Amino acid sequence: MWGRVRKSWEGFLHALRTKPDTGQDKHPHNLFEAAAVYVSACAEDDQDQIDEAAGWVSPEALSFGVNELACRAVIALARERDESPQTVARSLLGLPAA
């Protein structure tokens, strides 16, 4: 588990160092599209896709998008499981119940 966290963190740090979109793509990418691709690529350990998505928007925009995606995912799982968002978040991170 810690290996996946470390790889995700390394990918995030790499994204902070990556230059923003140069406008060479066929269509512009919004921050939510970049966040969705970035997070799913992290989950699949696809470094090429991580790098590509990180270049679509600024690091700040990507960070905001990833945060928004995390919030929405926790809320959706909490509703599905009929649990509180805090319980779900702690469970996903392997933390004991508060």
N, C-alpha and C. Protein backbone atom coordinates (compact mmCIF):
# COMPACT_ATOMS: atom_id res chain seq x y z
N MET A 1 0.82 -1.19 0.00
CA MET A 1 0.00 0.00 0.00
C MET A 1 0.87 1.25 0.00
N TRP A 2 1.93 1.27 0.82
CA TRP A 2 2.77 2.46 0.89
C TRP A 2 3.47 2.72 -0.43
N GLY A 3 3.75 1.65 -1.17
CA GLY A 3 4.38 1.82 -2.47
C GLY A 3 3.50 2.59 -3.43
N ARG A 4 2.20 2.29 -3.39
CA ARG A 4 1.25 3.01 -4.26
C ARG A 4 1.14 4.46 -3.84
N VAL A 5 1.13 4.70 -2.53
CA VAL A 5 1.06 6.08 -2.04
C VAL A 5 2.30 6.84 -2.47
N ARG A 6 3.46 6.22 -2.33
CA ARG A 6 4.71 6.84 -2.72
C ARG A 6 4.71 7.16 -4.22
N LYS A 7 4.28 6.21 -5.04
CA LYS A 7 4.24 6.44 -6.49
C LYS A 7 3.27 7.56 -6.84
N SER A 8 2.13 7.60 -6.18
CA SER A 8 1.17 8.68 -6.44
C SER A 8 1.78 10.02 -6.05
N TRP A 9 2.45 10.05 -4.91
CA TRP A 9 3.08 11.29 -4.44
C TRP A 9 4.18 11.72 -5.41
N GLU A 10 4.98 10.77 -5.88
CA GLU A 10 6.02 11.10 -6.84
C GLU A 10 5.42 11.64 -8.13
N GLY A 11 4.31 11.04 -8.56
CA GLY A 11 3.63 11.54 -9.75
C GLY A 11 3.12 12.95 -9.55
N PHE A 12 2.59 13.21 -8.35
CA PHE A 12 2.10 14.56 -8.06
C PHE A 12 3.26 15.55 -8.06
N LEU A 13 4.37 15.20 -7.44
CA LEU A 13 5.52 16.08 -7.43
C LEU A 13 6.05 16.32 -8.84
N HIS A 14 6.04 15.27 -9.65
CA HIS A 14 6.46 15.42 -11.03
C HIS A 14 5.52 16.37 -11.77
N ALA A 15 4.23 16.28 -11.48
CA ALA A 15 3.25 17.16 -12.12
C ALA A 15 3.51 18.61 -11.76
N LEU A 16 3.97 18.85 -10.56
CA LEU A 16 4.26 20.22 -10.17
C LEU A 16 5.42 20.80 -10.96
N ARG A 17 6.30 19.94 -11.42
CA ARG A 17 7.47 20.40 -12.17
C ARG A 17 7.21 20.46 -13.68
N THR A 18 6.08 19.91 -14.13
CA THR A 18 5.78 19.85 -15.55
C THR A 18 5.24 21.17 -16.05
N LYS A 19 5.62 21.53 -17.26
CA LYS A 19 5.14 22.78 -17.85
C LYS A 19 3.66 22.66 -18.21
N PRO A 20 2.89 23.77 -18.14
CA PRO A 20 1.49 23.73 -18.53
C PRO A 20 1.32 23.44 -20.01
N ASP A 21 0.10 23.26 -20.41
CA ASP A 21 -0.28 22.94 -21.78
C ASP A 21 0.32 23.95 -22.75
N THR A 22 0.91 23.44 -23.84
CA THR A 22 1.51 24.30 -24.84
C THR A 22 0.55 24.66 -25.96
N GLY A 23 -0.65 24.13 -25.94
CA GLY A 23 -1.63 24.43 -26.96
C GLY A 23 -1.48 23.58 -28.20
N GLN A 24 -0.67 22.54 -28.16
CA GLN A 24 -0.45 21.69 -29.32
C GLN A 24 -1.48 20.57 -29.44
N ASP A 25 -2.31 20.37 -28.43
CA ASP A 25 -3.34 19.33 -28.49
C ASP A 25 -4.44 19.75 -29.45
N LYS A 26 -5.19 18.75 -29.91
CA LYS A 26 -6.27 19.01 -30.85
C LYS A 26 -7.41 19.76 -30.19
N HIS A 27 -7.68 19.49 -28.94
CA HIS A 27 -8.73 20.22 -28.22
C HIS A 27 -8.22 20.59 -26.84
N PRO A 28 -8.69 21.69 -26.33
CA PRO A 28 -8.22 22.09 -24.98
C PRO A 28 -8.82 21.16 -23.92
N HIS A 29 -8.06 20.93 -22.89
CA HIS A 29 -8.50 20.07 -21.79
C HIS A 29 -8.84 20.95 -20.60
N ASN A 30 -9.95 20.63 -19.93
CA ASN A 30 -10.27 21.39 -18.73
C ASN A 30 -9.67 20.68 -17.51
N LEU A 31 -9.70 21.35 -16.39
CA LEU A 31 -9.03 20.81 -15.20
C LEU A 31 -9.67 19.54 -14.69
N PHE A 32 -10.98 19.38 -14.90
CA PHE A 32 -11.63 18.16 -14.42
C PHE A 32 -11.28 16.96 -15.30
N GLU A 33 -11.15 17.19 -16.59
CA GLU A 33 -10.72 16.12 -17.49
C GLU A 33 -9.28 15.72 -17.15
N ALA A 34 -8.44 16.71 -16.93
CA ALA A 34 -7.05 16.42 -16.57
C ALA A 34 -6.98 15.65 -15.25
N ALA A 35 -7.79 16.05 -14.27
CA ALA A 35 -7.79 15.36 -12.98
C ALA A 35 -8.27 13.92 -13.12
N ALA A 36 -9.32 13.70 -13.91
CA ALA A 36 -9.84 12.35 -14.09
C ALA A 36 -8.81 11.44 -14.75
N VAL A 37 -8.16 11.93 -15.77
CA VAL A 37 -7.14 11.13 -16.46
C VAL A 37 -5.94 10.91 -15.54
N TYR A 38 -5.53 11.94 -14.84
CA TYR A 38 -4.38 11.85 -13.94
C TYR A 38 -4.61 10.82 -12.84
N VAL A 39 -5.75 10.91 -12.17
CA VAL A 39 -6.03 9.99 -11.07
C VAL A 39 -6.18 8.56 -11.56
N SER A 40 -6.89 8.36 -12.67
CA SER A 40 -7.04 7.00 -13.18
C SER A 40 -5.70 6.44 -13.65
N ALA A 41 -4.84 7.28 -14.21
CA ALA A 41 -3.51 6.82 -14.61
C ALA A 41 -2.67 6.46 -13.39
N CYS A 42 -2.80 7.23 -12.31
CA CYS A 42 -2.09 6.89 -11.07
C CYS A 42 -2.56 5.54 -10.54
N ALA A 43 -3.86 5.31 -10.60
CA ALA A 43 -4.41 4.04 -10.11
C ALA A 43 -3.91 2.87 -10.95
N GLU A 44 -3.67 3.11 -12.24
CA GLU A 44 -3.19 2.05 -13.14
C GLU A 44 -1.67 2.04 -13.28
N ASP A 45 -0.99 2.96 -12.59
CA ASP A 45 0.46 3.07 -12.62
C ASP A 45 0.97 3.28 -14.05
N ASP A 46 0.30 4.17 -14.78
CA ASP A 46 0.64 4.49 -16.17
C ASP A 46 1.36 5.83 -16.20
N GLN A 47 2.69 5.81 -16.10
CA GLN A 47 3.47 7.03 -15.99
C GLN A 47 3.35 7.93 -17.22
N ASP A 48 3.25 7.34 -18.40
CA ASP A 48 3.11 8.15 -19.61
C ASP A 48 1.82 8.95 -19.59
N GLN A 49 0.73 8.33 -19.18
CA GLN A 49 -0.55 9.02 -19.11
C GLN A 49 -0.55 10.05 -17.99
N ILE A 50 0.11 9.75 -16.89
CA ILE A 50 0.25 10.71 -15.79
C ILE A 50 0.95 11.97 -16.29
N ASP A 51 2.05 11.77 -16.99
CA ASP A 51 2.81 12.91 -17.52
C ASP A 51 1.99 13.72 -18.51
N GLU A 52 1.25 13.03 -19.36
CA GLU A 52 0.45 13.72 -20.36
C GLU A 52 -0.64 14.57 -19.70
N ALA A 53 -1.38 13.97 -18.79
CA ALA A 53 -2.46 14.70 -18.11
C ALA A 53 -1.91 15.86 -17.29
N ALA A 54 -0.76 15.68 -16.69
CA ALA A 54 -0.16 16.74 -15.87
C ALA A 54 0.24 17.94 -16.72
N GLY A 55 0.46 17.73 -18.00
CA GLY A 55 0.82 18.82 -18.88
C GLY A 55 -0.36 19.58 -19.47
N TRP A 56 -1.56 19.10 -19.26
CA TRP A 56 -2.74 19.74 -19.86
C TRP A 56 -3.13 21.03 -19.17
N VAL A 57 -2.90 21.12 -17.88
CA VAL A 57 -3.30 22.30 -17.11
C VAL A 57 -2.18 22.67 -16.16
N SER A 58 -2.30 23.80 -15.51
CA SER A 58 -1.28 24.21 -14.55
C SER A 58 -1.29 23.27 -13.34
N PRO A 59 -0.20 23.18 -12.62
CA PRO A 59 -0.16 22.33 -11.42
C PRO A 59 -1.23 22.71 -10.40
N GLU A 60 -1.49 24.00 -10.26
CA GLU A 60 -2.51 24.44 -9.30
C GLU A 60 -3.90 23.96 -9.71
N ALA A 61 -4.19 24.07 -11.01
CA ALA A 61 -5.49 23.62 -11.51
C ALA A 61 -5.63 22.12 -11.35
N LEU A 62 -4.57 21.38 -11.64
CA LEU A 62 -4.61 19.93 -11.49
C LEU A 62 -4.85 19.55 -10.03
N SER A 63 -4.17 20.22 -9.12
CA SER A 63 -4.35 19.96 -7.70
C SER A 63 -5.80 20.20 -7.28
N PHE A 64 -6.36 21.30 -7.74
CA PHE A 64 -7.76 21.60 -7.42
C PHE A 64 -8.67 20.52 -7.99
N GLY A 65 -8.44 20.10 -9.23
CA GLY A 65 -9.27 19.07 -9.85
C GLY A 65 -9.18 17.74 -9.14
N VAL A 66 -7.98 17.36 -8.74
CA VAL A 66 -7.80 16.10 -8.01
C VAL A 66 -8.52 16.16 -6.67
N ASN A 67 -8.43 17.30 -5.99
CA ASN A 67 -9.12 17.47 -4.72
C ASN A 67 -10.64 17.36 -4.91
N GLU A 68 -11.16 18.02 -5.93
CA GLU A 68 -12.60 17.96 -6.20
C GLU A 68 -13.04 16.54 -6.54
N LEU A 69 -12.23 15.83 -7.32
CA LEU A 69 -12.54 14.44 -7.65
C LEU A 69 -12.56 13.57 -6.40
N ALA A 70 -11.59 13.77 -5.52
CA ALA A 70 -11.54 13.00 -4.27
C ALA A 70 -12.78 13.26 -3.43
N CYS A 71 -13.17 14.51 -3.30
CA CYS A 71 -14.36 14.85 -2.52
C CYS A 71 -15.59 14.18 -3.09
N ARG A 72 -15.76 14.29 -4.41
CA ARG A 72 -16.94 13.68 -5.04
C ARG A 72 -16.94 12.17 -4.91
N ALA A 73 -15.77 11.55 -5.03
CA ALA A 73 -15.68 10.09 -4.92
C ALA A 73 -16.03 9.63 -3.51
N VAL A 74 -15.53 10.33 -2.50
CA VAL A 74 -15.82 9.96 -1.11
C VAL A 74 -17.32 10.12 -0.82
N ILE A 75 -17.90 11.20 -1.31
CA ILE A 75 -19.34 11.42 -1.11
C ILE A 75 -20.14 10.32 -1.79
N ALA A 76 -19.78 9.97 -3.02
CA ALA A 76 -20.51 8.92 -3.75
C ALA A 76 -20.39 7.58 -3.03
N LEU A 77 -19.19 7.24 -2.57
CA LEU A 77 -19.02 5.98 -1.84
C LEU A 77 -19.77 5.99 -0.51
N ALA A 78 -19.77 7.13 0.16
CA ALA A 78 -20.48 7.23 1.44
C ALA A 78 -21.98 6.99 1.23
N ARG A 79 -22.53 7.57 0.20
CA ARG A 79 -23.96 7.36 -0.10
C ARG A 79 -24.23 5.91 -0.45
N GLU A 80 -23.35 5.32 -1.25
CA GLU A 80 -23.51 3.93 -1.67
C GLU A 80 -23.44 2.98 -0.47
N ARG A 81 -22.54 3.27 0.45
CA ARG A 81 -22.34 2.40 1.62
C ARG A 81 -23.22 2.79 2.80
N ASP A 82 -23.91 3.90 2.68
CA ASP A 82 -24.74 4.42 3.78
C ASP A 82 -23.88 4.66 5.03
N GLU A 83 -22.75 5.29 4.81
CA GLU A 83 -21.81 5.64 5.88
C GLU A 83 -21.47 7.12 5.76
N SER A 84 -20.80 7.65 6.76
CA SER A 84 -20.39 9.06 6.71
C SER A 84 -19.17 9.19 5.79
N PRO A 85 -18.99 10.36 5.16
CA PRO A 85 -17.80 10.58 4.34
C PRO A 85 -16.51 10.39 5.13
N GLN A 86 -16.49 10.79 6.40
CA GLN A 86 -15.28 10.61 7.21
C GLN A 86 -14.96 9.14 7.39
N THR A 87 -15.96 8.31 7.65
CA THR A 87 -15.75 6.87 7.81
C THR A 87 -15.19 6.26 6.52
N VAL A 88 -15.76 6.66 5.39
CA VAL A 88 -15.31 6.14 4.10
C VAL A 88 -13.87 6.59 3.82
N ALA A 89 -13.58 7.86 4.02
CA ALA A 89 -12.23 8.38 3.76
C ALA A 89 -11.20 7.66 4.62
N ARG A 90 -11.49 7.49 5.89
CA ARG A 90 -10.56 6.81 6.78
C ARG A 90 -10.37 5.36 6.36
N SER A 91 -11.46 4.72 5.95
CA SER A 91 -11.39 3.34 5.48
C SER A 91 -10.52 3.21 4.23
N LEU A 92 -10.71 4.12 3.28
CA LEU A 92 -9.91 4.09 2.04
C LEU A 92 -8.43 4.28 2.32
N LEU A 93 -8.11 5.04 3.34
CA LEU A 93 -6.70 5.28 3.68
C LEU A 93 -6.14 4.27 4.67
N GLY A 94 -6.98 3.32 5.08
CA GLY A 94 -6.53 2.29 5.99
C GLY A 94 -6.35 2.79 7.42
N LEU A 95 -7.07 3.85 7.77
CA LEU A 95 -6.98 4.41 9.12
C LEU A 95 -8.05 3.81 10.02
N PRO A 96 -7.81 3.74 11.31
CA PRO A 96 -8.84 3.22 12.22
C PRO A 96 -10.01 4.22 12.32
N ALA A 97 -11.15 3.69 12.68
CA ALA A 97 -12.34 4.54 12.84
C ALA A 97 -12.08 5.58 13.92
N ALA A 98 -12.62 6.76 13.70
CA ALA A 98 -12.41 7.85 14.67
C ALA A 98 -13.29 7.68 15.88
